[in-house]
Amino acid sequence: VNVKLRLPAVFNKFLQPISMSAEEFFPQWRSLSGPPLKLQEV
C-alpha cells in the first residue's frame, strides 16, 4: 500500500482518549514489535 499524505496529517476523528497507568500502558506498547504492527522508514 502506498499512500501520499500532506503533512502535517491530523487523524483525530478516530481517536478516543482513555486513562491508563504506566503498568497498563507499557506492556501494550512493547507488544507492538515487528511487522506489520511496527514500521519505521527514513
PDB file of N, CA and C in Angstrom:
ATOM      1  N   VAL A   1       0.856  -1.169   0.000  1.00  0.00           N
ATOM      2  CA  VAL A   1       0.000   0.000   0.000  1.00  0.00           C
ATOM      3  C   VAL A   1       0.896   1.224   0.000  1.00  0.00           C
ATOM      4  N   ASN A   2       0.623   2.133  -0.893  1.00  0.00           N
ATOM      5  CA  ASN A   2       1.387   3.367  -0.980  1.00  0.00           C
ATOM      6  C   ASN A   2       0.400   4.525  -0.947  1.00  0.00           C
ATOM      7  N   VAL A   3       0.487   5.346   0.094  1.00  0.00           N
ATOM      8  CA  VAL A   3      -0.433   6.461   0.270  1.00  0.00           C
ATOM      9  C   VAL A   3       0.382   7.730   0.465  1.00  0.00           C
ATOM     10  N   LYS A   4       0.080   8.750  -0.309  1.00  0.00           N
ATOM     11  CA  LYS A   4       0.745  10.040  -0.138  1.00  0.00           C
ATOM     12  C   LYS A   4      -0.137  10.930   0.723  1.00  0.00           C
ATOM     13  N   LEU A   5       0.449  11.507   1.761  1.00  0.00           N
ATOM     14  CA  LEU A   5      -0.278  12.386   2.675  1.00  0.00           C
ATOM     15  C   LEU A   5       0.381  13.753   2.691  1.00  0.00           C
ATOM     16  N   ARG A   6      -0.420  14.770   2.815  1.00  0.00           N
ATOM     17  CA  ARG A   6       0.117  16.112   3.039  1.00  0.00           C
ATOM     18  C   ARG A   6       0.358  16.261   4.539  1.00  0.00           C
ATOM     19  N   LEU A   7       1.541  16.719   4.880  1.00  0.00           N
ATOM     20  CA  LEU A   7       1.889  16.859   6.288  1.00  0.00           C
ATOM     21  C   LEU A   7       1.735  18.299   6.721  1.00  0.00           C
ATOM     22  N   PRO A   8       1.374  18.582   7.912  1.00  0.00           N
ATOM     23  CA  PRO A   8       1.064  17.618   8.968  1.00  0.00           C
ATOM     24  C   PRO A   8      -0.308  16.983   8.762  1.00  0.00           C
ATOM     25  N   ALA A   9      -0.383  15.710   9.000  1.00  0.00           N
ATOM     26  CA  ALA A   9      -1.640  14.968   8.897  1.00  0.00           C
ATOM     27  C   ALA A   9      -2.184  14.748  10.303  1.00  0.00           C
ATOM     28  N   VAL A  10      -3.398  15.146  10.534  1.00  0.00           N
ATOM     29  CA  VAL A  10      -4.016  15.011  11.855  1.00  0.00           C
ATOM     30  C   VAL A  10      -5.165  14.020  11.741  1.00  0.00           C
ATOM     31  N   PHE A  11      -5.056  12.930  12.468  1.00  0.00           N
ATOM     32  CA  PHE A  11      -6.079  11.888  12.443  1.00  0.00           C
ATOM     33  C   PHE A  11      -6.772  11.853  13.795  1.00  0.00           C
ATOM     34  N   ASN A  12      -7.618  12.808  14.043  1.00  0.00           N
ATOM     35  CA  ASN A  12      -8.239  12.891  15.359  1.00  0.00           C
ATOM     36  C   ASN A  12      -9.679  12.407  15.384  1.00  0.00           C
ATOM     37  N   LYS A  13     -10.274  12.093  14.274  1.00  0.00           N
ATOM     38  CA  LYS A  13     -11.675  11.688  14.268  1.00  0.00           C
ATOM     39  C   LYS A  13     -11.881  10.279  14.798  1.00  0.00           C
ATOM     40  N   PHE A  14     -10.839   9.470  14.793  1.00  0.00           N
ATOM     41  CA  PHE A  14     -10.987   8.080  15.188  1.00  0.00           C
ATOM     42  C   PHE A  14     -10.336   7.789  16.537  1.00  0.00           C
ATOM     43  N   LEU A  15      -9.851   8.806  17.208  1.00  0.00           N
ATOM     44  CA  LEU A  15      -9.160   8.610  18.476  1.00  0.00           C
ATOM     45  C   LEU A  15     -10.077   8.943  19.632  1.00  0.00           C
ATOM     46  N   GLN A  16     -10.019   8.118  20.643  1.00  0.00           N
ATOM     47  CA  GLN A  16     -10.769   8.377  21.863  1.00  0.00           C
ATOM     48  C   GLN A  16      -9.796   8.316  23.032  1.00  0.00           C
ATOM     49  N   PRO A  17      -9.735   9.355  23.853  1.00  0.00           N
ATOM     50  CA  PRO A  17      -8.809   9.341  24.984  1.00  0.00           C
ATOM     51  C   PRO A  17      -9.252   8.345  26.049  1.00  0.00           C
ATOM     52  N   ILE A  18      -8.275   7.690  26.642  1.00  0.00           N
ATOM     53  CA  ILE A  18      -8.541   6.809  27.776  1.00  0.00           C
ATOM     54  C   ILE A  18      -7.476   7.064  28.823  1.00  0.00           C
ATOM     55  N   SER A  19      -7.784   6.749  30.041  1.00  0.00           N
ATOM     56  CA  SER A  19      -6.820   6.877  31.131  1.00  0.00           C
ATOM     57  C   SER A  19      -6.269   5.502  31.449  1.00  0.00           C
ATOM     58  N   MET A  20      -4.933   5.436  31.593  1.00  0.00           N
ATOM     59  CA  MET A  20      -4.323   4.175  31.993  1.00  0.00           C
ATOM     60  C   MET A  20      -3.015   4.462  32.706  1.00  0.00           C
ATOM     61  N   SER A  21      -2.641   3.545  33.542  1.00  0.00           N
ATOM     62  CA  SER A  21      -1.407   3.698  34.303  1.00  0.00           C
ATOM     63  C   SER A  21      -0.228   3.216  33.460  1.00  0.00           C
ATOM     64  N   ALA A  22       0.969   3.511  33.927  1.00  0.00           N
ATOM     65  CA  ALA A  22       2.171   3.047  33.235  1.00  0.00           C
ATOM     66  C   ALA A  22       2.228   1.526  33.209  1.00  0.00           C
ATOM     67  N   GLU A  23       1.737   0.883  34.255  1.00  0.00           N
ATOM     68  CA  GLU A  23       1.740  -0.581  34.316  1.00  0.00           C
ATOM     69  C   GLU A  23       0.839  -1.186  33.237  1.00  0.00           C
ATOM     70  N   GLU A  24      -0.198  -0.469  32.840  1.00  0.00           N
ATOM     71  CA  GLU A  24      -1.080  -0.938  31.768  1.00  0.00           C
ATOM     72  C   GLU A  24      -0.538  -0.560  30.385  1.00  0.00           C
ATOM     73  N   PHE A  25       0.058   0.628  30.295  1.00  0.00           N
ATOM     74  CA  PHE A  25       0.490   1.148  29.002  1.00  0.00           C
ATOM     75  C   PHE A  25       1.690   0.408  28.417  1.00  0.00           C
ATOM     76  N   PHE A  26       2.751   0.251  29.196  1.00  0.00           N
ATOM     77  CA  PHE A  26       3.998  -0.261  28.644  1.00  0.00           C
ATOM     78  C   PHE A  26       3.923  -1.700  28.142  1.00  0.00           C
ATOM     79  N   PRO A  27       3.204  -2.616  28.770  1.00  0.00           N
ATOM     80  CA  PRO A  27       3.075  -3.947  28.153  1.00  0.00           C
ATOM     81  C   PRO A  27       2.383  -3.902  26.789  1.00  0.00           C
ATOM     82  N   GLN A  28       1.383  -3.033  26.645  1.00  0.00           N
ATOM     83  CA  GLN A  28       0.719  -2.884  25.349  1.00  0.00           C
ATOM     84  C   GLN A  28       1.682  -2.301  24.319  1.00  0.00           C
ATOM     85  N   TRP A  29       2.458  -1.304  24.724  1.00  0.00           N
ATOM     86  CA  TRP A  29       3.408  -0.655  23.824  1.00  0.00           C
ATOM     87  C   TRP A  29       4.474  -1.646  23.367  1.00  0.00           C
ATOM     88  N   ARG A  30       4.978  -2.447  24.283  1.00  0.00           N
ATOM     89  CA  ARG A  30       6.027  -3.416  23.947  1.00  0.00           C
ATOM     90  C   ARG A  30       5.504  -4.563  23.089  1.00  0.00           C
ATOM     91  N   SER A  31       4.204  -4.810  23.115  1.00  0.00           N
ATOM     92  CA  SER A  31       3.649  -5.889  22.297  1.00  0.00           C
ATOM     93  C   SER A  31       3.593  -5.510  20.816  1.00  0.00           C
ATOM     94  N   LEU A  32       3.807  -4.232  20.494  1.00  0.00           N
ATOM     95  CA  LEU A  32       3.776  -3.766  19.104  1.00  0.00           C
ATOM     96  C   LEU A  32       5.159  -3.874  18.471  1.00  0.00           C
ATOM     97  N   SER A  33       5.736  -5.052  18.494  1.00  0.00           N
ATOM     98  CA  SER A  33       7.066  -5.218  17.919  1.00  0.00           C
ATOM     99  C   SER A  33       6.981  -6.049  16.653  1.00  0.00           C
ATOM    100  N   GLY A  34       7.695  -5.636  15.663  1.00  0.00           N
ATOM    101  CA  GLY A  34       7.765  -6.371  14.411  1.00  0.00           C
ATOM    102  C   GLY A  34       6.634  -6.049  13.462  1.00  0.00           C
ATOM    103  N   PRO A  35       6.865  -6.336  12.183  1.00  0.00           N
ATOM    104  CA  PRO A  35       5.837  -6.098  11.177  1.00  0.00           C
ATOM    105  C   PRO A  35       4.635  -6.985  11.412  1.00  0.00           C
ATOM    106  N   PRO A  36       3.461  -6.624  11.056  1.00  0.00           N
ATOM    107  CA  PRO A  36       3.047  -5.382  10.407  1.00  0.00           C
ATOM    108  C   PRO A  36       2.675  -4.306  11.405  1.00  0.00           C
ATOM    109  N   LEU A  37       2.929  -4.531  12.697  1.00  0.00           N
ATOM    110  CA  LEU A  37       2.484  -3.582  13.716  1.00  0.00           C
ATOM    111  C   LEU A  37       3.456  -2.436  13.927  1.00  0.00           C
ATOM    112  N   LYS A  38       4.701  -2.590  13.499  1.00  0.00           N
ATOM    113  CA  LYS A  38       5.696  -1.554  13.724  1.00  0.00           C
ATOM    114  C   LYS A  38       6.475  -1.342  12.432  1.00  0.00           C
ATOM    115  N   LEU A  39       6.581  -0.095  11.997  1.00  0.00           N
ATOM    116  CA  LEU A  39       7.283   0.209  10.760  1.00  0.00           C
ATOM    117  C   LEU A  39       7.955   1.559  10.901  1.00  0.00           C
ATOM    118  N   GLN A  40       9.219   1.606  10.501  1.00  0.00           N
ATOM    119  CA  GLN A  40       9.935   2.875  10.510  1.00  0.00           C
ATOM    120  C   GLN A  40      10.721   2.975   9.216  1.00  0.00           C
ATOM    121  N   GLU A  41      10.504   4.036   8.472  1.00  0.00           N
ATOM    122  CA  GLU A  41      11.245   4.295   7.245  1.00  0.00           C
ATOM    123  C   GLU A  41      11.853   5.676   7.338  1.00  0.00           C
ATOM    124  N   VAL A  42      13.082   5.786   6.850  1.00  0.00           N
ATOM    125  CA  VAL A  42      13.764   7.071   6.861  1.00  0.00           C
ATOM    126  C   VAL A  42      14.095   7.455   5.445  1.00  0.00           C
TER     127      VAL A  42
END
